[in-house]
Protein backbone atom coordinates (compact mmCIF):
# COMPACT_ATOMS: atom_id res chain seq x y z
CA MET A 1 0.00 0.00 0.00
CA ARG A 2 1.17 3.49 -0.82
CA TRP A 3 0.89 4.85 2.74
CA VAL A 4 3.06 1.99 4.01
CA ARG A 5 5.80 2.92 1.54
CA VAL A 6 5.48 6.61 2.49
CA LEU A 7 5.73 5.71 6.18
CA GLY A 8 8.76 3.53 5.51
CA VAL A 9 10.50 6.32 3.62
CA ALA A 10 9.68 8.79 6.42
CA ILE A 11 11.08 6.45 9.08
CA ALA A 12 14.19 5.76 7.04
CA SER A 13 14.72 9.50 6.49
CA LEU A 14 14.31 10.15 10.20
CA VAL A 15 16.87 7.47 11.03
CA VAL A 16 19.33 9.00 8.57
CA LEU A 17 18.81 12.49 10.01
CA LEU A 18 19.29 11.20 13.56
CA ALA A 19 22.47 9.42 12.52
CA ILE A 20 23.80 12.60 10.92
CA ALA A 21 22.90 14.63 14.02
CA ALA A 22 24.58 12.08 16.29
CA GLY A 23 27.70 12.16 14.11
CA LEU A 24 27.84 15.96 14.21
CA ILE A 25 27.34 16.04 17.98
CA PHE A 26 30.15 13.52 18.46
CA ALA A 27 32.51 15.25 16.03
CA ILE A 28 31.97 18.77 17.44
CA SER A 29 32.28 17.62 21.04
CA GLU A 30 35.43 15.64 20.20
CA PHE A 31 36.92 18.74 18.58
CA GLN A 32 36.28 20.73 21.76
CA ILE A 33 37.60 17.92 23.97
CA GLY A 34 40.81 17.90 21.92
CA ARG A 35 41.40 21.66 22.15
CA LYS A 36 44.76 22.57 23.69
CA TYR A 37 45.41 25.48 26.06
CA ASP A 38 48.71 27.28 26.47
CA VAL A 39 48.90 28.12 30.16
CA GLN A 40 51.75 29.19 32.41
CA VAL A 41 51.66 27.10 35.58
CA ALA A 42 52.78 28.93 38.69
CA THR A 43 55.14 27.15 41.07
CA LEU A 44 54.22 26.56 44.69
CA GLU A 45 56.36 26.42 47.78
CA VAL A 46 55.26 23.18 49.42
CA ARG A 47 55.69 22.72 53.17
CA THR A 48 55.74 19.19 54.55
CA ASP A 49 55.45 19.80 58.29
CA ALA A 50 52.69 18.19 60.34
CA THR A 51 50.58 21.37 60.33
CA ALA A 52 50.65 21.59 56.54
CA LEU A 53 49.79 17.89 56.14
CA ALA A 54 46.84 18.24 58.53
CA GLN A 55 45.65 21.31 56.64
CA GLY A 56 45.98 19.44 53.35
CA GLN A 57 43.97 16.48 54.58
CA HIS A 58 41.28 18.87 55.82
CA VAL A 59 41.13 20.62 52.44
CA ALA A 60 41.04 17.27 50.62
CA THR A 61 38.10 16.22 52.78
CA ILE A 62 35.85 19.28 52.75
CA ARG A 63 36.53 20.01 49.07
CA GLY A 64 35.53 16.49 48.02
CA CYS A 65 38.90 15.10 46.89
CA ARG A 66 38.62 12.17 49.32
CA ASP A 67 35.05 11.61 48.20
CA CYS A 68 35.65 11.28 44.44
CA HIS A 69 39.21 9.89 44.59
CA LYS A 70 38.34 7.84 47.70
CA PRO A 71 39.99 8.10 51.14
CA ASP A 72 43.17 6.43 49.89
CA LEU A 73 43.22 8.84 46.89
CA ALA A 74 43.72 5.86 44.55
CA GLY A 75 40.62 6.66 42.51
CA ALA A 76 37.51 4.75 41.53
CA ILE A 77 34.71 4.55 38.97
CA LEU A 78 32.11 7.13 40.01
CA VAL A 79 29.47 6.66 37.31
CA GLU A 80 28.84 3.97 34.75
CA ASP A 81 25.56 4.76 33.07
CA PRO A 82 24.26 4.57 29.46
CA PHE A 83 23.05 8.16 29.70
CA VAL A 84 26.29 9.59 31.12
CA GLY A 85 28.97 7.11 30.13
CA ARG A 86 31.86 6.08 32.36
CA VAL A 87 33.29 8.65 34.75
CA GLY A 88 36.17 7.77 37.02
CA ALA A 89 38.43 9.67 39.38
CA PRO A 90 42.10 8.79 38.68
CA ASN A 91 44.69 7.52 41.09
CA LEU A 92 46.54 10.42 42.72
CA THR A 93 49.00 8.32 44.70
CA PRO A 94 52.60 7.48 43.67
CA GLY A 95 51.30 4.06 42.62
CA ARG A 96 49.77 5.31 39.38
CA SER A 97 51.43 4.22 36.13
CA THR A 98 52.41 7.79 35.18
CA PRO A 99 53.30 9.66 38.40
CA LEU A 100 52.04 13.23 38.78
CA THR A 101 54.63 15.96 39.09
CA ASP A 102 53.96 19.05 41.21
CA GLU A 103 53.39 20.99 38.00
CA ASP A 104 50.90 18.38 36.77
CA PHE A 105 49.00 18.68 40.04
CA VAL A 106 48.77 22.47 39.99
CA ARG A 107 47.88 22.44 36.28
CA ALA A 108 45.05 20.00 36.90
CA VAL A 109 43.59 21.58 40.05
CA ARG A 110 43.99 25.25 39.18
CA HIS A 111 43.56 25.10 35.39
CA GLY A 112 41.67 21.87 34.70
CA LEU A 113 44.32 20.71 32.24
CA ARG A 114 46.24 17.56 31.48
CA ARG A 115 49.96 17.53 30.87
CA ASP A 116 49.33 17.73 27.11
CA GLY A 117 47.29 20.94 27.47
CA THR A 118 43.86 19.41 26.83
CA SER A 119 41.06 19.83 29.32
CA LEU A 120 40.33 17.27 31.98
CA LEU A 121 36.85 15.75 31.79
CA ILE A 122 34.30 16.38 34.55
CA MET A 123 36.91 17.49 37.08
CA PRO A 124 35.54 20.56 38.93
CA SER A 125 38.72 22.62 38.58
CA HIS A 126 36.58 25.70 37.93
CA GLU A 127 35.56 25.36 41.59
CA TYR A 128 39.17 24.91 42.74
CA TRP A 129 41.11 27.53 40.78
CA HIS A 130 40.33 30.06 43.51
CA LEU A 131 42.00 27.98 46.24
CA SER A 132 44.60 29.97 48.13
CA ASP A 133 48.28 29.14 47.65
CA SER A 134 48.32 28.02 51.27
CA ASP A 135 45.46 25.55 50.81
CA LEU A 136 46.70 24.31 47.44
CA SER A 137 50.27 23.77 48.63
CA ALA A 138 48.99 21.98 51.75
CA LEU A 139 46.76 19.83 49.57
CA LEU A 140 49.72 18.92 47.37
CA ALA A 141 51.83 18.09 50.42
CA TYR A 142 49.07 15.79 51.70
CA VAL A 143 48.71 14.04 48.33
CA ARG A 144 52.46 13.50 48.28
CA SER A 145 52.31 11.93 51.76
CA VAL A 146 49.76 9.18 51.11
CA PRO A 147 50.95 5.60 50.54
CA ALA A 148 51.27 4.37 46.98
CA VAL A 149 48.36 2.25 45.74
CA GLU A 150 48.60 0.45 42.42
CA ARG A 151 45.16 0.96 40.96
CA GLU A 152 44.17 2.25 37.55
CA THR A 153 40.69 3.42 36.58
CA PRO A 154 39.45 2.65 33.06
CA PRO A 155 39.42 5.55 30.56
CA ARG A 156 36.49 7.91 30.77
CA ARG A 157 33.79 7.49 28.15
CA ILE A 158 31.32 10.31 27.52
CA ALA A 159 27.96 9.13 26.22
CA LEU A 160 26.16 10.88 23.37
CA PRO A 161 23.31 12.33 25.52
CA ILE A 162 25.79 14.17 27.74
CA ARG A 163 27.72 15.38 24.72
CA ALA A 164 24.50 16.82 23.30
CA ILE A 165 23.52 18.47 26.59
CA PHE A 166 27.04 19.88 26.87
CA LEU A 167 26.84 21.47 23.40
CA PHE A 168 23.41 23.00 23.88
CA SER A 169 23.45 24.01 27.56
CA GLY A 170 26.18 26.63 27.63
CA ASP A 171 28.29 26.16 30.76
CA GLU A 172 25.63 24.29 32.75
CA VAL A 173 27.36 20.96 32.13
CA ALA A 174 30.96 21.26 33.29
CA LEU A 175 32.31 18.63 30.90
CA LEU A 176 35.45 20.66 30.13
CA PRO A 177 36.49 22.64 33.21
CA ALA A 178 39.34 24.38 31.39
CA ALA A 179 36.78 26.13 29.18
CA LEU A 180 35.13 27.62 32.28
CA ILE A 181 38.31 29.20 33.69
CA ASP A 182 39.80 32.53 32.69
CA HIS A 183 43.40 31.35 32.94
CA ASP A 184 44.83 34.87 32.65
CA ALA A 185 42.54 36.55 35.17
CA PRO A 186 43.91 37.54 38.56
CA ARG A 187 42.81 35.01 41.12
CA PRO A 188 40.40 36.10 43.89
CA GLU A 189 41.99 37.18 47.12
CA SER A 190 42.19 34.63 49.89
CA PRO A 191 39.82 35.27 52.82
CA ARG A 192 41.37 37.56 55.36
CA GLU A 193 41.42 36.31 58.92
CA GLY A 194 38.24 37.40 60.67
CA ASP A 195 36.32 38.16 57.44
CA VAL A 196 33.41 35.75 58.00
CA GLN A 197 31.55 36.59 54.78
CA ALA A 198 34.67 36.13 52.67
CA LEU A 199 35.37 32.77 54.31
CA GLY A 200 31.76 31.66 53.76
CA LYS A 201 31.93 32.62 50.09
CA TYR A 202 35.28 30.83 49.75
CA LEU A 203 33.76 27.63 51.13
CA ALA A 204 30.45 27.89 49.27
CA VAL A 205 32.13 27.64 45.86
CA THR A 206 32.18 23.88 46.44
CA CYS A 207 28.37 23.92 46.69
CA THR A 208 27.87 25.54 43.28
CA GLY A 209 28.56 22.40 41.25
CA CYS A 210 25.25 20.87 42.34
CA HIS A 211 23.26 23.82 43.67
CA GLY A 212 24.20 26.22 40.86
CA LYS A 213 26.13 29.48 40.71
CA GLY A 214 23.24 31.29 42.39
CA LEU A 215 22.70 28.42 44.87
CA GLY A 216 19.03 28.23 43.85
CA GLY A 217 19.12 24.47 43.31
CA GLY A 218 17.06 22.45 40.86
CA VAL A 219 17.70 19.64 38.42
CA ILE A 220 21.45 19.10 38.06
CA PRO A 221 22.41 19.12 34.36
CA GLY A 222 24.46 16.24 33.08
CA VAL A 223 23.89 13.70 35.86
CA GLY A 224 22.00 10.43 35.59
CA PRO A 225 18.19 10.43 35.66
CA ASN A 226 18.14 8.95 39.18
CA TRP A 227 19.82 11.96 40.77
CA PRO A 228 17.52 14.10 42.94
CA ALA A 229 17.22 17.83 42.37
CA ALA A 230 19.54 19.99 44.45
CA SER A 231 18.00 22.04 47.25
CA ASN A 232 17.67 25.81 47.21
CA LEU A 233 20.32 27.15 49.59
CA THR A 234 19.27 30.81 49.34
CA PRO A 235 16.91 32.58 51.77
CA ALA A 236 14.02 31.59 49.45
CA GLY A 237 14.62 27.91 50.19
CA ASN A 238 14.01 25.58 53.08
CA LEU A 239 17.11 26.70 54.98
CA VAL A 240 15.31 29.88 56.01
CA ARG A 241 13.31 27.76 58.47
CA TRP A 242 16.41 26.17 60.00
CA THR A 243 18.47 27.42 62.90
CA HIS A 244 22.25 27.54 62.90
CA GLU A 245 22.29 24.55 65.24
CA GLN A 246 20.03 22.56 62.90
CA PHE A 247 22.25 23.42 59.95
CA VAL A 248 25.30 22.15 61.80
CA THR A 249 23.45 18.99 62.85
CA ALA A 250 22.40 18.31 59.25
CA LEU A 251 25.99 18.55 58.01
CA ARG A 252 27.43 16.59 60.91
CA SER A 253 24.87 13.76 60.96
CA GLY A 254 23.01 13.94 57.65
CA ARG A 255 19.70 14.31 59.50
CA THR A 256 17.58 17.37 58.57
CA PRO A 257 15.21 19.14 61.00
CA GLU A 258 12.33 17.61 59.00
CA GLY A 259 13.61 14.14 59.86
CA ARG A 260 14.96 13.31 56.40
CA GLN A 261 18.24 11.41 56.14
CA LEU A 262 20.49 12.90 53.46
CA ASP A 263 21.90 10.36 51.03
CA PRO A 264 25.71 10.70 50.98
CA ARG A 265 25.79 9.50 47.37
CA TYR A 266 24.23 12.81 46.34
CA MET A 267 24.86 15.13 49.28
CA PRO A 268 28.39 14.62 50.70
CA TRP A 269 27.54 15.51 54.28
CA PRO A 270 30.17 13.13 55.78
CA GLN A 271 32.88 15.24 54.12
CA LEU A 272 31.26 18.64 54.70
CA GLY A 273 30.55 17.68 58.28
CA THR A 274 34.27 17.74 59.05
CA MET A 275 34.39 21.51 58.65
CA THR A 276 35.46 23.37 61.75
CA ASP A 277 32.92 25.24 63.85
CA ALA A 278 34.26 28.52 62.45
CA GLU A 279 33.88 27.26 58.87
CA MET A 280 30.34 26.03 59.56
CA SER A 281 29.38 29.39 61.02
CA ALA A 282 30.93 31.32 58.13
CA LEU A 283 29.14 29.15 55.55
CA TRP A 284 25.83 29.53 57.42
CA ASP A 285 26.16 33.31 57.63
CA TYR A 286 27.07 33.53 53.94
CA LEU A 287 24.11 31.41 52.80
CA ARG A 288 21.72 33.56 54.82
CA ALA A 289 23.08 36.69 53.12
CA VAL A 290 23.06 35.62 49.46
CA PRO A 291 20.29 36.98 47.21
CA ALA A 292 17.10 34.91 47.33
CA ARG A 293 16.39 32.91 44.19
CA GLU A 294 13.35 30.97 43.12
CA THR A 295 13.87 27.26 43.68
CA GLY A 296 15.08 25.54 40.55
CA THR A 297 16.76 28.57 39.01
CA ARG A 298 20.26 27.43 40.11
């Protein structure tokens, strides 16, 4: 019948168009993934005393390094999903096949770049480039101090859906952190001692990956479909009904005032809960002072 032939041609044409679109998405995203950056990497003076190592371990914990790369810093597969692909955190210890130099470390954390000048994939360096020299050098000292573990994570594989979202969502999907960093811009000043708001802002940068630049929360772009939406952390969200003590309890125990247990797979309260009392207070004061945003506007 004629309509069957017409339908068959239409379906075949649609399949061809989808194949062409998929090919273009893959090719364009691969071109951007392969872009090289010419960046001057600043040297750091690295202390190795007990105070510096303790500071480095603290930074590695509250900033999520020991969450993604695991407590032994030897890395692990974080996501293996048809929608996302395979995302793994590499081994940072001396046991990796190609040891990291100090320059490699600073280049990766502060600029989001590999040794060859291409961007790392899904490494939140755009949230770390503002780290003070003191925190970054302490972090490097701590990484250098951990025992070697011989473990290699499989290569990362970025699935087509995430590539498409990356191309059409602007900077909402941080696939290539190097593209989100102005490598020539002067870095923000480190928080001055006693400046509570500055310290709170310094700490809250870590929250922006999930809760958005404006901390308004909502659906997190680029994660698997099972991920819950991030909460609104501004005064327009649920935090406005919490007390400081309840905020601290939620981060220390994962239990909210409403009786909900936070899932550490999505909300890393075990790591954030190790912040000092002063850091907790500074973060709380900062979140109460940020502009209110409608929930879901990130």
